[in-house]
PDB file of all heavy atoms in Angstrom:
ATOM      1  N   PHE A   1     -24.006-140.099 -99.614  1.00  0.00           N
ATOM      2  CA  PHE A   1     -24.491-139.192 -98.568  1.00  0.00           C
ATOM      3  C   PHE A   1     -23.379-138.260 -98.114  1.00  0.00           C
ATOM      4  O   PHE A   1     -23.575-137.062 -97.941  1.00  0.00           O
ATOM      5  CB  PHE A   1     -25.021-139.989 -97.371  1.00  0.00           C
ATOM      6  CG  PHE A   1     -25.440-139.124 -96.223  1.00  0.00           C
ATOM      7  CD1 PHE A   1     -26.614-138.396 -96.288  1.00  0.00           C
ATOM      8  CD2 PHE A   1     -24.659-139.020 -95.090  1.00  0.00           C
ATOM      9  CE1 PHE A   1     -27.002-137.584 -95.240  1.00  0.00           C
ATOM     10  CE2 PHE A   1     -25.032-138.215 -94.048  1.00  0.00           C
ATOM     11  CZ  PHE A   1     -26.215-137.494 -94.112  1.00  0.00           C
ATOM     12  N   GLU A   2     -22.187-138.819 -97.916  1.00  0.00           N
ATOM     13  CA  GLU A   2     -21.050-138.017 -97.473  1.00  0.00           C
ATOM     14  C   GLU A   2     -20.714-136.935 -98.492  1.00  0.00           C
ATOM     15  O   GLU A   2     -20.500-135.773 -98.130  1.00  0.00           O
ATOM     16  CB  GLU A   2     -19.840-138.950 -97.294  1.00  0.00           C
ATOM     17  CG  GLU A   2     -18.962-138.594 -96.137  1.00  0.00           C
ATOM     18  CD  GLU A   2     -17.916-139.665 -95.935  1.00  0.00           C
ATOM     19  OE1 GLU A   2     -16.854-139.570 -96.581  1.00  0.00           O
ATOM     20  OE2 GLU A   2     -18.158-140.572 -95.129  1.00  0.00           O
ATOM     21  N   LYS A   3     -20.684-137.294 -99.760  1.00  0.00           N
ATOM     22  CA  LYS A   3     -20.354-136.314-100.798  1.00  0.00           C
ATOM     23  C   LYS A   3     -21.414-135.226-100.890  1.00  0.00           C
ATOM     24  O   LYS A   3     -21.094-134.053-101.072  1.00  0.00           O
ATOM     25  CB  LYS A   3     -20.175-137.010-102.149  1.00  0.00           C
ATOM     26  CG  LYS A   3     -18.883-137.780-102.226  1.00  0.00           C
ATOM     27  CD  LYS A   3     -18.659-138.380-103.578  1.00  0.00           C
ATOM     28  CE  LYS A   3     -17.320-139.107-103.583  1.00  0.00           C
ATOM     29  NZ  LYS A   3     -16.962-139.598-104.880  1.00  0.00           N
ATOM     30  N   THR A   4     -22.675-135.619-100.753  1.00  0.00           N
ATOM     31  CA  THR A   4     -23.757-134.633-100.781  1.00  0.00           C
ATOM     32  C   THR A   4     -23.641-133.676 -99.606  1.00  0.00           C
ATOM     33  O   THR A   4     -23.782-132.462 -99.758  1.00  0.00           O
ATOM     34  CB  THR A   4     -25.123-135.340-100.754  1.00  0.00           C
ATOM     35  OG1 THR A   4     -25.177-136.243-101.856  1.00  0.00           O
ATOM     36  CG2 THR A   4     -26.257-134.351-100.841  1.00  0.00           C
ATOM     37  N   LEU A   5     -23.374-134.225 -98.431  1.00  0.00           N
ATOM     38  CA  LEU A   5     -23.229-133.398 -97.240  1.00  0.00           C
ATOM     39  C   LEU A   5     -22.045-132.449 -97.370  1.00  0.00           C
ATOM     40  O   LEU A   5     -22.161-131.253 -97.069  1.00  0.00           O
ATOM     41  CB  LEU A   5     -23.062-134.283 -96.005  1.00  0.00           C
ATOM     42  CG  LEU A   5     -22.893-133.573 -94.681  1.00  0.00           C
ATOM     43  CD1 LEU A   5     -24.150-132.788 -94.342  1.00  0.00           C
ATOM     44  CD2 LEU A   5     -22.579-134.565 -93.591  1.00  0.00           C
ATOM     45  N   HIS A   6     -20.922-132.957 -97.839  1.00  0.00           N
ATOM     46  CA  HIS A   6     -19.738-132.114 -97.999  1.00  0.00           C
ATOM     47  C   HIS A   6     -19.970-131.030 -99.041  1.00  0.00           C
ATOM     48  O   HIS A   6     -19.530-129.894 -98.866  1.00  0.00           O
ATOM     49  CB  HIS A   6     -18.529-132.959 -98.373  1.00  0.00           C
ATOM     50  CG  HIS A   6     -18.118-133.886 -97.275  1.00  0.00           C
ATOM     51  ND1 HIS A   6     -17.407-135.024 -97.512  1.00  0.00           N
ATOM     52  CD2 HIS A   6     -18.318-133.858 -95.938  1.00  0.00           C
ATOM     53  CE1 HIS A   6     -17.189-135.655 -96.381  1.00  0.00           C
ATOM     54  NE2 HIS A   6     -17.740-134.968 -95.414  1.00  0.00           N
ATOM     55  N   ASN A   7     -20.655-131.368-100.100  1.00  0.00           N
ATOM     56  CA  ASN A   7     -20.974-130.379-101.124  1.00  0.00           C
ATOM     57  C   ASN A   7     -21.864-129.288-100.541  1.00  0.00           C
ATOM     58  O   ASN A   7     -21.673-128.106-100.810  1.00  0.00           O
ATOM     59  CB  ASN A   7     -21.648-131.052-102.317  1.00  0.00           C
ATOM     60  CG  ASN A   7     -21.844-130.116-103.473  1.00  0.00           C
ATOM     61  OD1 ASN A   7     -21.149-129.115-103.595  1.00  0.00           O
ATOM     62  ND2 ASN A   7     -22.786-130.438-104.320  1.00  0.00           N
ATOM     63  N   ARG A   8     -22.840-129.683 -99.748  1.00  0.00           N
ATOM     64  CA  ARG A   8     -23.761-128.727 -99.131  1.00  0.00           C
ATOM     65  C   ARG A   8     -23.023-127.805 -98.169  1.00  0.00           C
ATOM     66  O   ARG A   8     -23.323-126.612 -98.087  1.00  0.00           O
ATOM     67  CB  ARG A   8     -24.865-129.493 -98.396  1.00  0.00           C
ATOM     68  CG  ARG A   8     -25.827-128.630 -97.653  1.00  0.00           C
ATOM     69  CD  ARG A   8     -26.828-128.035 -98.602  1.00  0.00           C
ATOM     70  NE  ARG A   8     -27.820-127.303 -97.842  1.00  0.00           N
ATOM     71  CZ  ARG A   8     -28.217-126.087 -98.116  1.00  0.00           C
ATOM     72  NH1 ARG A   8     -27.728-125.466 -99.162  1.00  0.00           N
ATOM     73  NH2 ARG A   8     -29.105-125.496 -97.383  1.00  0.00           N
ATOM     74  N   LEU A   9     -22.059-128.367 -97.458  1.00  0.00           N
ATOM     75  CA  LEU A   9     -21.289-127.561 -96.502  1.00  0.00           C
ATOM     76  C   LEU A   9     -20.189-126.753 -97.173  1.00  0.00           C
ATOM     77  O   LEU A   9     -19.605-125.875 -96.548  1.00  0.00           O
ATOM     78  CB  LEU A   9     -20.682-128.455 -95.421  1.00  0.00           C
ATOM     79  CG  LEU A   9     -21.671-129.125 -94.484  1.00  0.00           C
ATOM     80  CD1 LEU A   9     -20.945-130.085 -93.562  1.00  0.00           C
ATOM     81  CD2 LEU A   9     -22.444-128.101 -93.689  1.00  0.00           C
ATOM     82  N   GLY A  10     -19.875-127.055 -98.416  1.00  0.00           N
ATOM     83  CA  GLY A  10     -18.844-126.319 -99.129  1.00  0.00           C
ATOM     84  C   GLY A  10     -17.434-126.818 -98.844  1.00  0.00           C
ATOM     85  O   GLY A  10     -16.471-126.073 -98.952  1.00  0.00           O
ATOM     86  N   ILE A  11     -17.315-128.063 -98.467  1.00  0.00           N
ATOM     87  CA  ILE A  11     -16.002-128.639 -98.174  1.00  0.00           C
ATOM     88  C   ILE A  11     -15.345-129.047 -99.482  1.00  0.00           C
ATOM     89  O   ILE A  11     -15.979-129.644-100.351  1.00  0.00           O
ATOM     90  CB  ILE A  11     -16.135-129.857 -97.242  1.00  0.00           C
ATOM     91  CG1 ILE A  11     -16.715-129.417 -95.894  1.00  0.00           C
ATOM     92  CG2 ILE A  11     -14.805-130.554 -97.048  1.00  0.00           C
ATOM     93  CD1 ILE A  11     -17.013-130.560 -94.953  1.00  0.00           C
ATOM     94  N   ASP A  12     -14.054-128.726 -99.613  1.00  0.00           N
ATOM     95  CA  ASP A  12     -13.292-129.130-100.787  1.00  0.00           C
ATOM     96  C   ASP A  12     -13.101-130.643-100.731  1.00  0.00           C
ATOM     97  O   ASP A  12     -12.331-131.158 -99.925  1.00  0.00           O
ATOM     98  CB  ASP A  12     -11.946-128.413-100.806  1.00  0.00           C
ATOM     99  CG  ASP A  12     -11.128-128.737-102.031  1.00  0.00           C
ATOM    100  OD1 ASP A  12     -11.671-129.342-102.984  1.00  0.00           O
ATOM    101  OD2 ASP A  12      -9.929-128.381-102.044  1.00  0.00           O
ATOM    102  N   GLN A  13     -13.825-131.352-101.567  1.00  0.00           N
ATOM    103  CA  GLN A  13     -13.844-132.808-101.523  1.00  0.00           C
ATOM    104  C   GLN A  13     -12.479-133.408-101.839  1.00  0.00           C
ATOM    105  O   GLN A  13     -12.055-134.362-101.211  1.00  0.00           O
ATOM    106  CB  GLN A  13     -14.895-133.339-102.504  1.00  0.00           C
ATOM    107  CG  GLN A  13     -15.187-134.806-102.371  1.00  0.00           C
ATOM    108  CD  GLN A  13     -15.887-135.163-101.078  1.00  0.00           C
ATOM    109  OE1 GLN A  13     -16.618-134.375-100.524  1.00  0.00           O
ATOM    110  NE2 GLN A  13     -15.645-136.358-100.600  1.00  0.00           N
ATOM    111  N   GLU A  14     -11.775-132.833-102.809  1.00  0.00           N
ATOM    112  CA  GLU A  14     -10.466-133.376-103.184  1.00  0.00           C
ATOM    113  C   GLU A  14      -9.468-133.245-102.042  1.00  0.00           C
ATOM    114  O   GLU A  14      -8.716-134.175-101.751  1.00  0.00           O
ATOM    115  CB  GLU A  14      -9.945-132.681-104.430  1.00  0.00           C
ATOM    116  CG  GLU A  14     -10.749-133.002-105.676  1.00  0.00           C
ATOM    117  CD  GLU A  14     -10.288-132.199-106.878  1.00  0.00           C
ATOM    118  OE1 GLU A  14      -9.280-131.474-106.782  1.00  0.00           O
ATOM    119  OE2 GLU A  14     -10.944-132.314-107.926  1.00  0.00           O
ATOM    120  N   ALA A  15      -9.460-132.076-101.392  1.00  0.00           N
ATOM    121  CA  ALA A  15      -8.540-131.876-100.270  1.00  0.00           C
ATOM    122  C   ALA A  15      -8.886-132.814 -99.124  1.00  0.00           C
ATOM    123  O   ALA A  15      -7.993-133.389 -98.481  1.00  0.00           O
ATOM    124  CB  ALA A  15      -8.588-130.430 -99.798  1.00  0.00           C
ATOM    125  N   MET A  16     -10.171-132.988 -98.896  1.00  0.00           N
ATOM    126  CA  MET A  16     -10.602-133.868 -97.810  1.00  0.00           C
ATOM    127  C   MET A  16     -10.221-135.315 -98.097  1.00  0.00           C
ATOM    128  O   MET A  16      -9.732-136.021 -97.208  1.00  0.00           O
ATOM    129  CB  MET A  16     -12.101-133.748 -97.600  1.00  0.00           C
ATOM    130  CG  MET A  16     -12.602-134.519 -96.424  1.00  0.00           C
ATOM    131  SD  MET A  16     -14.248-133.984 -96.035  1.00  0.00           S
ATOM    132  CE  MET A  16     -14.383-134.625 -94.395  1.00  0.00           C
ATOM    133  N   GLU A  17     -10.428-135.757 -99.320  1.00  0.00           N
ATOM    134  CA  GLU A  17     -10.062-137.126 -99.678  1.00  0.00           C
ATOM    135  C   GLU A  17      -8.553-137.340 -99.582  1.00  0.00           C
ATOM    136  O   GLU A  17      -8.098-138.401 -99.151  1.00  0.00           O
ATOM    137  CB  GLU A  17     -10.567-137.461-101.076  1.00  0.00           C
ATOM    138  CG  GLU A  17     -12.060-137.644-101.146  1.00  0.00           C
ATOM    139  CD  GLU A  17     -12.571-137.865-102.552  1.00  0.00           C
ATOM    140  OE1 GLU A  17     -11.769-137.815-103.514  1.00  0.00           O
ATOM    141  OE2 GLU A  17     -13.793-138.078-102.698  1.00  0.00           O
ATOM    142  N   ALA A  18      -7.777-136.337 -99.972  1.00  0.00           N
ATOM    143  CA  ALA A  18      -6.315-136.449 -99.875  1.00  0.00           C
ATOM    144  C   ALA A  18      -5.888-136.569 -98.413  1.00  0.00           C
ATOM    145  O   ALA A  18      -5.036-137.404 -98.076  1.00  0.00           O
ATOM    146  CB  ALA A  18      -5.645-135.248-100.525  1.00  0.00           C
ATOM    147  N   LEU A  19      -6.489-135.749 -97.555  1.00  0.00           N
ATOM    148  CA  LEU A  19      -6.163-135.830 -96.121  1.00  0.00           C
ATOM    149  C   LEU A  19      -6.576-137.173 -95.533  1.00  0.00           C
ATOM    150  O   LEU A  19      -5.819-137.779 -94.757  1.00  0.00           O
ATOM    151  CB  LEU A  19      -6.845-134.693 -95.352  1.00  0.00           C
ATOM    152  CG  LEU A  19      -6.214-133.312 -95.475  1.00  0.00           C
ATOM    153  CD1 LEU A  19      -7.092-132.260 -94.815  1.00  0.00           C
ATOM    154  CD2 LEU A  19      -4.829-133.303 -94.840  1.00  0.00           C
ATOM    155  N   GLU A  20      -7.751-137.646 -95.896  1.00  0.00           N
ATOM    156  CA  GLU A  20      -8.209-138.939 -95.388  1.00  0.00           C
ATOM    157  C   GLU A  20      -7.304-140.067 -95.852  1.00  0.00           C
ATOM    158  O   GLU A  20      -7.023-141.001 -95.096  1.00  0.00           O
ATOM    159  CB  GLU A  20      -9.653-139.198 -95.814  1.00  0.00           C
ATOM    160  CG  GLU A  20     -10.656-138.352 -95.063  1.00  0.00           C
ATOM    161  CD  GLU A  20     -12.078-138.512 -95.564  1.00  0.00           C
ATOM    162  OE1 GLU A  20     -12.282-139.052 -96.684  1.00  0.00           O
ATOM    163  OE2 GLU A  20     -12.992-138.093 -94.832  1.00  0.00           O
ATOM    164  N   GLN A  21      -6.820-139.983 -97.093  1.00  0.00           N
ATOM    165  CA  GLN A  21      -5.912-141.012 -97.602  1.00  0.00           C
ATOM    166  C   GLN A  21      -4.586-140.981 -96.846  1.00  0.00           C
ATOM    167  O   GLN A  21      -4.043-142.024 -96.486  1.00  0.00           O
ATOM    168  CB  GLN A  21      -5.673-140.824 -99.108  1.00  0.00           C
ATOM    169  CG  GLN A  21      -4.793-141.882 -99.719  1.00  0.00           C
ATOM    170  CD  GLN A  21      -5.386-143.269 -99.618  1.00  0.00           C
ATOM    171  OE1 GLN A  21      -6.584-143.446 -99.785  1.00  0.00           O
ATOM    172  NE2 GLN A  21      -4.564-144.254 -99.337  1.00  0.00           N
ATOM    173  N   GLN A  22      -4.066-139.793 -96.588  1.00  0.00           N
ATOM    174  CA  GLN A  22      -2.827-139.672 -95.818  1.00  0.00           C
ATOM    175  C   GLN A  22      -3.016-140.203 -94.403  1.00  0.00           C
ATOM    176  O   GLN A  22      -2.116-140.853 -93.855  1.00  0.00           O
ATOM    177  CB  GLN A  22      -2.360-138.218 -95.782  1.00  0.00           C
ATOM    178  CG  GLN A  22      -1.828-137.711 -97.097  1.00  0.00           C
ATOM    179  CD  GLN A  22      -1.442-136.244 -97.038  1.00  0.00           C
ATOM    180  OE1 GLN A  22      -1.692-135.557 -96.055  1.00  0.00           O
ATOM    181  NE2 GLN A  22      -0.840-135.759 -98.111  1.00  0.00           N
ATOM    182  N   ILE A  23      -4.179-139.938 -93.812  1.00  0.00           N
ATOM    183  CA  ILE A  23      -4.457-140.448 -92.467  1.00  0.00           C
ATOM    184  C   ILE A  23      -4.481-141.968 -92.479  1.00  0.00           C
ATOM    185  O   ILE A  23      -3.897-142.620 -91.596  1.00  0.00           O
ATOM    186  CB  ILE A  23      -5.787-139.866 -91.937  1.00  0.00           C
ATOM    187  CG1 ILE A  23      -5.603-138.387 -91.587  1.00  0.00           C
ATOM    188  CG2 ILE A  23      -6.284-140.643 -90.722  1.00  0.00           C
ATOM    189  CD1 ILE A  23      -6.887-137.657 -91.232  1.00  0.00           C
ATOM    190  N   GLU A  24      -5.133-142.561 -93.475  1.00  0.00           N
ATOM    191  CA  GLU A  24      -5.189-144.023 -93.580  1.00  0.00           C
ATOM    192  C   GLU A  24      -3.787-144.610 -93.757  1.00  0.00           C
ATOM    193  O   GLU A  24      -3.452-145.613 -93.142  1.00  0.00           O
ATOM    194  CB  GLU A  24      -6.085-144.444 -94.749  1.00  0.00           C
ATOM    195  CG  GLU A  24      -7.547-144.289 -94.474  1.00  0.00           C
ATOM    196  CD  GLU A  24      -8.042-145.188 -93.355  1.00  0.00           C
ATOM    197  OE1 GLU A  24      -7.615-146.354 -93.278  1.00  0.00           O
ATOM    198  OE2 GLU A  24      -8.846-144.702 -92.539  1.00  0.00           O
TER     199      GLU A  24
END
């Protein structure tokens, strides 16, 4: 669901995952 939503919004999934990993 998250990936579908991000794709629909046009969010760069790789950049978002990298930021989330750094946050974790």
